[in-house]
N, C-alpha and C. Protein backbone atom coordinates (compact mmCIF):
# COMPACT_ATOMS: atom_id res chain seq x y z
N MET A 1 62.22 61.35 -123.19
CA MET A 1 63.75 59.61 -123.29
C MET A 1 64.70 61.42 -123.08
N ASP A 2 66.02 60.37 -122.43
CA ASP A 2 67.17 60.84 -121.72
C ASP A 2 67.85 61.48 -123.51
N LEU A 3 69.29 62.09 -123.81
CA LEU A 3 69.60 61.57 -124.79
C LEU A 3 70.22 60.91 -124.37
N LEU A 4 71.60 60.13 -123.34
CA LEU A 4 71.73 58.79 -123.52
C LEU A 4 70.71 57.70 -123.84
N GLN A 5 69.50 57.34 -123.32
CA GLN A 5 69.02 56.75 -123.63
C GLN A 5 68.71 56.63 -125.35
N GLU A 6 68.07 57.14 -125.71
CA GLU A 6 68.08 58.17 -126.80
C GLU A 6 69.06 57.33 -128.03
N ILE A 7 70.49 58.06 -127.77
CA ILE A 7 71.73 57.21 -128.49
C ILE A 7 72.26 55.82 -128.42
N ASN A 8 71.50 55.35 -127.20
CA ASN A 8 71.82 53.78 -127.47
C ASN A 8 70.98 53.37 -128.05
N GLU A 9 69.25 53.33 -128.48
CA GLU A 9 68.37 53.47 -129.15
C GLU A 9 68.90 53.33 -130.31
N THR A 10 69.90 54.28 -131.16
CA THR A 10 69.44 54.64 -132.13
C THR A 10 71.02 54.15 -132.62
N LYS A 11 71.77 53.83 -131.69
CA LYS A 11 73.34 52.84 -132.32
C LYS A 11 72.52 51.74 -132.19
N GLN A 12 71.54 51.65 -131.67
CA GLN A 12 71.51 49.21 -131.77
C GLN A 12 70.79 48.81 -133.06
N GLU A 13 69.93 50.19 -133.17
CA GLU A 13 68.99 50.54 -134.80
C GLU A 13 69.89 50.93 -135.94
N TRP A 14 70.80 51.07 -135.28
CA TRP A 14 72.21 51.41 -136.56
C TRP A 14 72.82 50.17 -137.00
N LEU A 15 72.69 49.00 -135.48
CA LEU A 15 73.58 47.85 -135.79
C LEU A 15 72.06 47.18 -136.03
N ASN A 16 71.52 47.56 -136.29
CA ASN A 16 70.36 45.68 -136.45
C ASN A 16 70.40 46.38 -138.31
N MET A 17 70.16 47.51 -138.12
CA MET A 17 70.32 47.48 -139.81
C MET A 17 71.28 47.29 -140.73
N GLN A 18 72.18 47.31 -139.86
CA GLN A 18 73.75 46.87 -140.08
C GLN A 18 73.35 45.23 -140.41
N ASN A 19 73.35 44.92 -139.77
CA ASN A 19 72.81 42.99 -139.62
C ASN A 19 71.55 43.25 -140.82
N VAL A 20 70.02 43.70 -140.39
CA VAL A 20 69.77 43.61 -141.76
C VAL A 20 70.48 43.81 -143.21
N TYR A 21 71.08 44.40 -144.10
CA TYR A 21 71.89 44.61 -144.88
C TYR A 21 72.38 43.08 -145.46
N ASN A 22 73.42 43.05 -144.17
CA ASN A 22 74.44 41.52 -144.15
C ASN A 22 73.50 40.28 -144.59
N GLU A 23 72.57 40.32 -144.46
CA GLU A 23 71.61 39.45 -144.21
C GLU A 23 70.51 39.13 -145.14
N LEU A 24 70.24 40.22 -146.78
CA LEU A 24 69.56 40.51 -147.57
C LEU A 24 69.49 39.79 -148.13
N GLN A 25 68.72 39.13 -148.56
CA GLN A 25 68.48 37.95 -149.52
C GLN A 25 68.20 38.51 -150.96
N ASP A 26 67.35 39.17 -151.37
CA ASP A 26 65.93 40.14 -151.83
C ASP A 26 67.01 41.42 -152.44
N PRO A 27 67.47 41.31 -153.87
CA PRO A 27 68.32 42.52 -154.62
C PRO A 27 67.01 43.55 -154.06
N ARG A 28 66.06 43.80 -154.39
CA ARG A 28 64.91 45.04 -154.64
C ARG A 28 65.37 45.37 -153.10
N LEU A 29 65.23 44.86 -152.04
CA LEU A 29 64.98 45.70 -150.83
C LEU A 29 66.68 46.35 -150.84
N ILE A 30 68.11 46.38 -151.12
CA ILE A 30 68.99 46.84 -151.01
C ILE A 30 69.29 48.54 -150.41
N ASP A 31 68.29 48.81 -151.99
CA ASP A 31 68.22 50.65 -152.19
C ASP A 31 67.66 51.65 -150.63
N ALA A 32 66.59 50.41 -150.38
CA ALA A 32 65.67 50.70 -148.76
C ALA A 32 66.36 51.01 -147.93
N VAL A 33 66.93 49.23 -147.89
CA VAL A 33 67.70 49.57 -146.24
C VAL A 33 69.86 50.13 -146.16
N ILE A 34 69.53 50.55 -147.50
CA ILE A 34 70.71 51.74 -147.14
C ILE A 34 70.50 52.80 -146.85
N TYR A 35 69.11 52.96 -148.02
CA TYR A 35 68.74 54.52 -147.21
C TYR A 35 68.37 54.83 -145.94
N ARG A 36 67.89 53.65 -145.15
CA ARG A 36 67.58 53.91 -143.69
C ARG A 36 69.12 53.58 -143.34
N MET A 37 69.63 52.73 -143.48
CA MET A 37 70.97 52.49 -142.39
C MET A 37 71.69 53.98 -142.44
N ASN A 38 71.59 54.64 -143.38
CA ASN A 38 72.54 56.14 -143.58
C ASN A 38 71.40 57.06 -142.64
N ALA A 39 70.13 56.51 -142.41
CA ALA A 39 69.89 57.83 -142.05
C ALA A 39 69.20 57.70 -140.65
N VAL A 40 69.59 56.42 -139.98
CA VAL A 40 69.42 56.46 -139.05
C VAL A 40 71.08 56.29 -138.36
N GLU A 41 72.29 56.00 -139.32
CA GLU A 41 74.08 56.96 -138.99
C GLU A 41 73.63 58.50 -138.72
N ARG A 42 72.97 59.22 -139.47
CA ARG A 42 73.51 60.48 -139.48
C ARG A 42 72.54 60.53 -138.11
N LYS A 43 71.59 60.47 -138.07
CA LYS A 43 70.95 60.73 -136.82
C LYS A 43 71.81 59.98 -135.47
N TYR A 44 72.50 59.36 -135.24
CA TYR A 44 73.56 58.89 -134.31
C TYR A 44 74.40 59.45 -134.20
N GLU A 45 75.03 60.10 -135.40
CA GLU A 45 75.96 61.04 -135.72
C GLU A 45 75.37 62.63 -135.00
N TYR A 46 74.66 62.95 -135.56
CA TYR A 46 74.18 64.00 -134.42
C TYR A 46 73.51 64.04 -133.26
N LEU A 47 73.35 63.02 -132.45
CA LEU A 47 73.17 62.71 -131.60
C LEU A 47 73.86 63.15 -130.24
N LEU A 48 75.57 62.14 -131.33
CA LEU A 48 76.47 62.51 -130.63
C LEU A 48 77.53 63.32 -130.90
N GLN A 49 76.60 64.54 -130.80
CA GLN A 49 77.43 66.08 -131.88
C GLN A 49 76.80 66.39 -130.23
N LEU A 50 75.67 65.88 -129.58
CA LEU A 50 74.85 67.06 -129.00
C LEU A 50 75.07 66.69 -127.43
N ALA A 51 75.70 65.13 -127.44
CA ALA A 51 75.85 64.63 -126.56
C ALA A 51 77.18 65.27 -126.10
N LYS A 52 78.22 65.46 -127.04
CA LYS A 52 79.73 66.20 -127.35
C LYS A 52 79.20 67.63 -126.43
N ALA A 53 78.58 68.32 -127.16
CA ALA A 53 78.32 69.79 -126.19
C ALA A 53 77.75 69.28 -125.28
N GLU A 54 77.05 68.80 -124.42
CA GLU A 54 77.27 68.91 -123.10
C GLU A 54 77.57 68.33 -122.30
N HIS A 55 78.70 68.00 -122.75
CA HIS A 55 79.56 66.71 -121.92
C HIS A 55 79.33 65.50 -121.24
N LEU A 56 78.64 65.18 -121.97
CA LEU A 56 77.77 63.65 -121.42
C LEU A 56 79.31 62.34 -121.75
N VAL A 57 78.91 61.56 -120.94
CA VAL A 57 80.02 60.58 -120.58
C VAL A 57 78.99 59.43 -120.17
N ASN A 58 79.11 58.19 -120.50
CA ASN A 58 78.51 57.05 -120.54
C ASN A 58 79.93 55.48 -121.06
N ARG A 59 79.53 54.71 -120.11
CA ARG A 59 80.53 53.22 -120.23
C ARG A 59 80.14 53.11 -121.77
N GLU A 60 79.50 53.15 -121.99
CA GLU A 60 79.20 52.56 -123.52
C GLU A 60 80.17 54.06 -124.66
N ILE A 61 79.29 55.26 -123.95
CA ILE A 61 79.63 56.04 -125.04
C ILE A 61 80.35 57.12 -123.98
N PHE A 62 81.16 57.86 -124.96
CA PHE A 62 82.15 58.21 -124.32
C PHE A 62 82.72 59.97 -125.21
N VAL A 63 82.30 60.96 -125.35
CA VAL A 63 81.97 61.83 -125.57
C VAL A 63 83.15 62.32 -126.04
N ARG A 64 84.35 62.75 -126.12
CA ARG A 64 85.17 64.18 -125.95
C ARG A 64 84.58 65.29 -125.91
């Protein structure tokens, strides 16, 4: 998988986890969802740093 594809998939996963959190009905799952959302967010930030180091540009992702 190339870096831009991984960034896009991770971004989508992060957005999906935000939706899960917003629609959560069972308060017993809040901690698990927050943990997963934070983990995916950290992965996304890491991948963006890699893209920045490689000077990658995408229409949806611009990294200076």
